[in-house]
C-alpha atoms as a PDB file:
ATOM      1  CA  MET A   1     129.956 115.315  98.963  1.00  0.00           C
ATOM      2  CA  LYS A   2     126.486 114.179 100.827  1.00  0.00           C
ATOM      3  CA  ASN A   3     125.881 110.530 101.157  1.00  0.00           C
ATOM      4  CA  VAL A   4     122.339 109.254 101.703  1.00  0.00           C
ATOM      5  CA  LEU A   5     121.065 105.869 102.912  1.00  0.00           C
ATOM      6  CA  ILE A   6     117.702 105.018 102.862  1.00  0.00           C
ATOM      7  CA  ILE A   7     115.864 102.362 104.858  1.00  0.00           C
ATOM      8  CA  VAL A   8     112.770 101.508 102.887  1.00  0.00           C
ATOM      9  CA  ALA A   9     109.684  99.541 104.033  1.00  0.00           C
ATOM     10  CA  GLY A  10     107.457  99.827 100.651  1.00  0.00           C
ATOM     11  CA  LEU A  11     104.152 101.251 101.979  1.00  0.00           C
ATOM     12  CA  ILE A  12     102.555 104.488 101.135  1.00  0.00           C
ATOM     13  CA  LEU A  13     101.137 106.747 103.577  1.00  0.00           C
ATOM     14  CA  VAL A  14     100.586 110.354 104.406  1.00  0.00           C
ATOM     15  CA  LEU A  15     103.055 111.088 107.167  1.00  0.00           C
ATOM     16  CA  PHE A  16     101.987 113.548 109.848  1.00  0.00           C
ATOM     17  CA  PHE A  17     105.110 115.148 111.347  1.00  0.00           C
ATOM     18  CA  VAL A  18     105.328 116.098 114.921  1.00  0.00           C
ATOM     19  CA  TYR A  19     108.133 117.667 116.953  1.00  0.00           C
ATOM     20  CA  GLU A  20     109.872 115.082 118.723  1.00  0.00           C
ATOM     21  CA  PRO A  21     112.301 116.127 121.979  1.00  0.00           C
ATOM     22  CA  VAL A  22     115.558 114.779 121.468  1.00  0.00           C
ATOM     23  CA  ARG A  23     117.591 113.416 124.725  1.00  0.00           C
ATOM     24  CA  ARG A  24     121.152 113.829 124.302  1.00  0.00           C
ATOM     25  CA  TRP A  25     123.304 111.183 125.814  1.00  0.00           C
ATOM     26  CA  PRO A  26     126.332 111.393 128.076  1.00  0.00           C
ATOM     27  CA  PRO A  27     129.636 110.653 126.239  1.00  0.00           C
ATOM     28  CA  GLY A  28     130.551 106.973 125.892  1.00  0.00           C
ATOM     29  CA  MET A  29     126.989 105.591 126.800  1.00  0.00           C
ATOM     30  CA  MET A  30     125.887 103.056 124.268  1.00  0.00           C
ATOM     31  CA  ILE A  31     123.939 100.203 124.082  1.00  0.00           C
ATOM     32  CA  ASN A  32     126.161  96.875 123.934  1.00  0.00           C
ATOM     33  CA  SER A  33     123.751  94.125 122.979  1.00  0.00           C
ATOM     34  CA  ASP A  34     122.310  93.122 119.556  1.00  0.00           C
ATOM     35  CA  PRO A  35     118.554  92.004 119.025  1.00  0.00           C
ATOM     36  CA  VAL A  36     117.812  88.452 119.968  1.00  0.00           C
ATOM     37  CA  VAL A  37     116.003  86.768 117.557  1.00  0.00           C
ATOM     38  CA  GLY A  38     114.512  82.929 117.411  1.00  0.00           C
ATOM     39  CA  ARG A  39     113.572  81.212 114.172  1.00  0.00           C
ATOM     40  CA  LEU A  40     110.494  79.182 114.470  1.00  0.00           C
ATOM     41  CA  THR A  41     109.000  76.281 112.166  1.00  0.00           C
ATOM     42  CA  HIS A  42     105.282  77.333 113.134  1.00  0.00           C
ATOM     43  CA  GLY A  43     104.709  80.604 114.728  1.00  0.00           C
ATOM     44  CA  PRO A  44     101.576  81.801 116.794  1.00  0.00           C
ATOM     45  CA  VAL A  45      98.852  83.311 114.631  1.00  0.00           C
ATOM     46  CA  TRP A  46      96.529  86.164 115.589  1.00  0.00           C
ATOM     47  CA  VAL A  47      93.478  87.474 113.783  1.00  0.00           C
ATOM     48  CA  LYS A  48      93.049  91.402 114.501  1.00  0.00           C
ATOM     49  CA  GLY A  49      90.379  93.681 112.521  1.00  0.00           C
ATOM     50  CA  GLY A  50      90.326  91.607 109.418  1.00  0.00           C
ATOM     51  CA  TYR A  51      94.275  90.873 109.630  1.00  0.00           C
ATOM     52  CA  THR A  52      95.965  87.728 109.751  1.00  0.00           C
ATOM     53  CA  ILE A  53      99.239  87.877 111.574  1.00  0.00           C
ATOM     54  CA  THR A  54     101.838  84.972 111.783  1.00  0.00           C
ATOM     55  CA  GLY A  55     104.802  84.883 113.881  1.00  0.00           C
ATOM     56  CA  GLN A  56     107.971  83.969 112.206  1.00  0.00           C
ATOM     57  CA  ALA A  57     110.650  84.623 114.991  1.00  0.00           C
ATOM     58  CA  SER A  58     110.839  85.498 118.272  1.00  0.00           C
ATOM     59  CA  TYR A  59     111.907  88.966 118.978  1.00  0.00           C
ATOM     60  CA  LYS A  60     113.686  90.861 121.908  1.00  0.00           C
ATOM     61  CA  VAL A  61     115.613  94.023 121.832  1.00  0.00           C
ATOM     62  CA  ARG A  62     116.911  96.604 124.194  1.00  0.00           C
ATOM     63  CA  ALA A  63     117.722  99.729 122.056  1.00  0.00           C
ATOM     64  CA  ARG A  64     118.080 103.773 121.719  1.00  0.00           C
ATOM     65  CA  VAL A  65     115.104 105.466 119.859  1.00  0.00           C
ATOM     66  CA  LEU A  66     115.971 107.764 117.119  1.00  0.00           C
ATOM     67  CA  CYS A  67     112.888 108.769 115.597  1.00  0.00           C
ATOM     68  CA  VAL A  68     109.327 108.106 116.456  1.00  0.00           C
ATOM     69  CA  ASN A  69     106.816 108.220 113.365  1.00  0.00           C
ATOM     70  CA  HIS A  70     103.067 108.293 114.324  1.00  0.00           C
ATOM     71  CA  GLN A  71     101.075 106.803 111.505  1.00  0.00           C
ATOM     72  CA  TYR A  72      97.613 108.147 110.748  1.00  0.00           C
ATOM     73  CA  SER A  73      96.582 107.433 107.008  1.00  0.00           C
ATOM     74  CA  ASP A  74      98.543 104.547 105.504  1.00  0.00           C
ATOM     75  CA  VAL A  75      96.344 101.062 104.712  1.00  0.00           C
ATOM     76  CA  VAL A  76      97.488  99.616 108.071  1.00  0.00           C
ATOM     77  CA  HIS A  77      97.792 102.573 110.647  1.00  0.00           C
ATOM     78  CA  ASP A  78      94.912 100.875 112.512  1.00  0.00           C
ATOM     79  CA  ILE A  79      97.141  97.752 113.292  1.00  0.00           C
ATOM     80  CA  SER A  80     100.643  99.287 113.305  1.00  0.00           C
ATOM     81  CA  PRO A  81     100.181 102.940 114.443  1.00  0.00           C
ATOM     82  CA  TYR A  82     104.070 103.416 115.223  1.00  0.00           C
ATOM     83  CA  ASP A  83     107.338 103.149 113.401  1.00  0.00           C
ATOM     84  CA  TYR A  84     110.655 103.713 115.523  1.00  0.00           C
ATOM     85  CA  LEU A  85     114.070 103.494 113.985  1.00  0.00           C
ATOM     86  CA  LEU A  86     116.186 101.926 117.051  1.00  0.00           C
ATOM     87  CA  GLY A  87     119.636 102.028 117.363  1.00  0.00           C
ATOM     88  CA  TRP A  88     122.266  99.868 119.150  1.00  0.00           C
ATOM     89  CA  ARG A  89     126.055  99.420 119.536  1.00  0.00           C
ATOM     90  CA  ARG A  90     127.700 102.384 117.889  1.00  0.00           C
ATOM     91  CA  MET A  91     124.331 103.273 116.492  1.00  0.00           C
ATOM     92  CA  SER A  92     123.272 104.088 120.097  1.00  0.00           C
ATOM     93  CA  GLU A  93     126.422 106.396 120.907  1.00  0.00           C
ATOM     94  CA  GLN A  94     125.997 110.078 120.576  1.00  0.00           C
ATOM     95  CA  SER A  95     129.548 110.743 119.249  1.00  0.00           C
ATOM     96  CA  MET A  96     128.677 108.522 116.405  1.00  0.00           C
ATOM     97  CA  LEU A  97     125.327 109.796 115.726  1.00  0.00           C
ATOM     98  CA  ASP A  98     126.335 113.428 115.712  1.00  0.00           C
ATOM     99  CA  LYS A  99     128.222 112.408 112.384  1.00  0.00           C
ATOM    100  CA  PHE A 100     124.543 111.616 110.684  1.00  0.00           C
ATOM    101  CA  THR A 101     121.575 113.330 110.087  1.00  0.00           C
ATOM    102  CA  ILE A 102     118.608 111.437 110.286  1.00  0.00           C
ATOM    103  CA  TYR A 103     115.101 112.535 108.696  1.00  0.00           C
ATOM    104  CA  ASP A 104     111.655 111.008 109.350  1.00  0.00           C
ATOM    105  CA  PHE A 105     110.299 110.311 105.777  1.00  0.00           C
ATOM    106  CA  TRP A 106     107.136 109.224 104.091  1.00  0.00           C
ATOM    107  CA  ARG A 107     106.211 105.722 102.783  1.00  0.00           C
ATOM    108  CA  ARG A 108     107.379 104.413 106.249  1.00  0.00           C
ATOM    109  CA  GLN A 109     110.992 105.386 105.489  1.00  0.00           C
ATOM    110  CA  VAL A 110     113.988 107.031 107.139  1.00  0.00           C
ATOM    111  CA  GLN A 111     116.476 108.928 105.333  1.00  0.00           C
ATOM    112  CA  ILE A 112     120.007 109.137 106.918  1.00  0.00           C
ATOM    113  CA  SER A 113     122.877 111.145 105.452  1.00  0.00           C
ATOM    114  CA  TRP A 114     126.637 112.303 106.438  1.00  0.00           C
ATOM    115  CA  LYS A 115     128.834 114.475 104.577  1.00  0.00           C
ATOM    116  CA  GLY A 116     132.490 113.646 103.855  1.00  0.00           C
ATOM    117  CA  PRO A 117     133.681 109.902 104.275  1.00  0.00           C
ATOM    118  CA  ALA A 118     131.226 107.422 105.781  1.00  0.00           C
ATOM    119  CA  PRO A 119     131.375 107.263 109.337  1.00  0.00           C
ATOM    120  CA  MET A 120     131.142 103.637 109.493  1.00  0.00           C
ATOM    121  CA  THR A 121     130.895 100.919 106.958  1.00  0.00           C
ATOM    122  CA  GLU A 122     127.537 100.112 105.379  1.00  0.00           C
ATOM    123  CA  THR A 123     127.220  96.634 107.045  1.00  0.00           C
ATOM    124  CA  GLU A 124     127.887  98.052 110.446  1.00  0.00           C
ATOM    125  CA  THR A 125     125.691 100.854 109.782  1.00  0.00           C
ATOM    126  CA  PHE A 126     122.719  98.788 109.283  1.00  0.00           C
ATOM    127  CA  SER A 127     123.210  96.365 111.583  1.00  0.00           C
ATOM    128  CA  SER A 128     123.278  98.570 114.300  1.00  0.00           C
ATOM    129  CA  LEU A 129     119.656 100.222 113.252  1.00  0.00           C
ATOM    130  CA  GLY A 130     116.182  98.633 112.937  1.00  0.00           C
ATOM    131  CA  ASN A 131     113.135 100.545 111.321  1.00  0.00           C
ATOM    132  CA  MET A 132     110.482  98.840 113.379  1.00  0.00           C
ATOM    133  CA  HIS A 133     106.573  98.800 112.154  1.00  0.00           C
ATOM    134  CA  LEU A 134     105.118  98.098 115.573  1.00  0.00           C
ATOM    135  CA  ILE A 135     101.990  96.375 116.069  1.00  0.00           C
ATOM    136  CA  PRO A 136     100.617  96.775 119.749  1.00  0.00           C
ATOM    137  CA  SER A 137      99.086  93.375 121.347  1.00  0.00           C
ATOM    138  CA  ASN A 138      96.493  95.384 123.475  1.00  0.00           C
ATOM    139  CA  ASP A 139      95.572  98.661 124.241  1.00  0.00           C
ATOM    140  CA  THR A 140      98.230  98.973 127.028  1.00  0.00           C
ATOM    141  CA  VAL A 141     101.047  98.713 124.913  1.00  0.00           C
ATOM    142  CA  ARG A 142      99.534 100.786 122.421  1.00  0.00           C
ATOM    143  CA  SER A 143      99.370 103.537 124.565  1.00  0.00           C
ATOM    144  CA  THR A 144     102.944 103.122 126.079  1.00  0.00           C
ATOM    145  CA  LEU A 145     104.116 103.045 122.530  1.00  0.00           C
ATOM    146  CA  GLY A 146     103.009 106.700 122.342  1.00  0.00           C
ATOM    147  CA  LYS A 147     105.060 107.675 125.084  1.00  0.00           C
ATOM    148  CA  ALA A 148     108.635 107.039 123.949  1.00  0.00           C
ATOM    149  CA  HIS A 149     110.875 110.240 122.595  1.00  0.00           C
ATOM    150  CA  PRO A 150     114.084 110.127 120.645  1.00  0.00           C
ATOM    151  CA  GLY A 151     116.974 109.517 122.911  1.00  0.00           C
ATOM    152  CA  ASP A 152     114.648 107.223 125.204  1.00  0.00           C
ATOM    153  CA  ILE A 153     116.072 103.547 125.943  1.00  0.00           C
ATOM    154  CA  VAL A 154     113.168 100.821 125.113  1.00  0.00           C
ATOM    155  CA  ASN A 155     112.496  97.408 125.689  1.00  0.00           C
ATOM    156  CA  ILE A 156     110.583  95.188 123.049  1.00  0.00           C
ATOM    157  CA  GLU A 157     109.247  91.860 123.301  1.00  0.00           C
ATOM    158  CA  GLY A 158     107.195  89.950 121.042  1.00  0.00           C
ATOM    159  CA  TRP A 159     107.448  88.800 117.469  1.00  0.00           C
ATOM    160  CA  LEU A 160     108.462  89.649 113.982  1.00  0.00           C
ATOM    161  CA  VAL A 161     105.404  88.904 112.324  1.00  0.00           C
ATOM    162  CA  ASP A 162     103.981  88.683 108.350  1.00  0.00           C
ATOM    163  CA  VAL A 163     100.521  90.455 107.982  1.00  0.00           C
ATOM    164  CA  THR A 164      97.983  89.487 105.576  1.00  0.00           C
ATOM    165  CA  LYS A 165      94.520  90.628 104.678  1.00  0.00           C
ATOM    166  CA  PRO A 166      91.981  89.154 102.175  1.00  0.00           C
ATOM    167  CA  GLY A 167      92.248  90.025  98.626  1.00  0.00           C
ATOM    168  CA  GLY A 168      96.174  89.605  98.474  1.00  0.00           C
ATOM    169  CA  TRP A 169      97.137  92.054 100.358  1.00  0.00           C
ATOM    170  CA  GLU A 170     100.652  91.465 102.679  1.00  0.00           C
ATOM    171  CA  MET A 171     103.066  93.097 104.691  1.00  0.00           C
ATOM    172  CA  ARG A 172     106.145  90.608 105.425  1.00  0.00           C
ATOM    173  CA  THR A 173     108.893  91.117 108.267  1.00  0.00           C
ATOM    174  CA  GLY A 174     112.497  90.906 107.484  1.00  0.00           C
ATOM    175  CA  ILE A 175     114.562  88.678 109.804  1.00  0.00           C
ATOM    176  CA  THR A 176     118.138  88.532 108.650  1.00  0.00           C
ATOM    177  CA  GLU A 177     117.731  91.216 105.864  1.00  0.00           C
ATOM    178  CA  LEU A 178     120.049  94.571 106.347  1.00  0.00           C
ATOM    179  CA  THR A 179     118.828  96.567 103.377  1.00  0.00           C
ATOM    180  CA  GLY A 180     116.323  96.410 100.799  1.00  0.00           C
ATOM    181  CA  PRO A 181     112.561  96.274 100.777  1.00  0.00           C
ATOM    182  CA  HIS A 182     112.401  93.526 103.096  1.00  0.00           C
ATOM    183  CA  ALA A 183     115.389  95.142 105.635  1.00  0.00           C
ATOM    184  CA  CYS A 184     112.416  96.563 107.894  1.00  0.00           C
ATOM    185  CA  LYS A 185     111.063  94.879 110.895  1.00  0.00           C
ATOM    186  CA  VAL A 186     107.217  94.252 111.674  1.00  0.00           C
ATOM    187  CA  VAL A 187     107.023  93.626 115.124  1.00  0.00           C
ATOM    188  CA  TYR A 188     104.044  92.290 117.274  1.00  0.00           C
ATOM    189  CA  VAL A 189     105.063  93.603 120.531  1.00  0.00           C
ATOM    190  CA  GLU A 190     103.502  91.868 123.661  1.00  0.00           C
ATOM    191  CA  ARG A 191     105.837  93.602 126.236  1.00  0.00           C
ATOM    192  CA  PHE A 192     107.068  97.039 126.228  1.00  0.00           C
ATOM    193  CA  SER A 193     108.836  99.535 128.501  1.00  0.00           C
ATOM    194  CA  ILE A 194     110.755 102.797 128.428  1.00  0.00           C
ATOM    195  CA  GLU A 195     113.571 103.310 131.283  1.00  0.00           C
ATOM    196  CA  PRO A 196     114.331 106.034 133.133  1.00  0.00           C
ATOM    197  CA  PRO A 197     115.271 108.853 131.142  1.00  0.00           C
ATOM    198  CA  VAL A 198     119.411 109.494 130.809  1.00  0.00           C
ATOM    199  CA  GLY A 199     121.001 112.912 129.598  1.00  0.00           C
ATOM    200  CA  THR A 200     119.684 115.951 128.470  1.00  0.00           C
ATOM    201  CA  VAL A 201     116.722 117.184 126.253  1.00  0.00           C
ATOM    202  CA  ARG A 202     117.339 119.639 123.857  1.00  0.00           C
END
């Protein structure tokens, strides 16, 4: 039996598919740390292109890139041009990832499937994954975000944010949610780096 999990963001788009080279990691290699989230009472506020961006929590993560989606035509592609699916802990280890099939999906979704018994519990799977809607803080960050590929290790520092626009439109970040419409993270990226490559490209 084929099992499917879908990480949902709830925004409508037409997704442009591009081939992404996949870098396979050596056996046993994994990211042994979790994202660091700090809760705030009053976070910073930015205004960009008519959007108001309000910080909800500081955020820092070192993770393996599992998918990269370049958004071209949804309602906020101008400020959030990239989505990353990131993995850490067991969802960054190659032998575990080989048990899953991960698909890019439209509407800022990612579909994860497997055959047979689930390789991990649902809680462990979702607590080791993050579907990130990335808002670059400047042009340098925006350019570097476009250089990451599946299999790369990236470091992201910034803020989990809510985004609003006049007329009632909003995009709200998840903070502690693992599943559901608010599980995705909306990240205002202040610092971003890609570590030197490991493994082999296929």
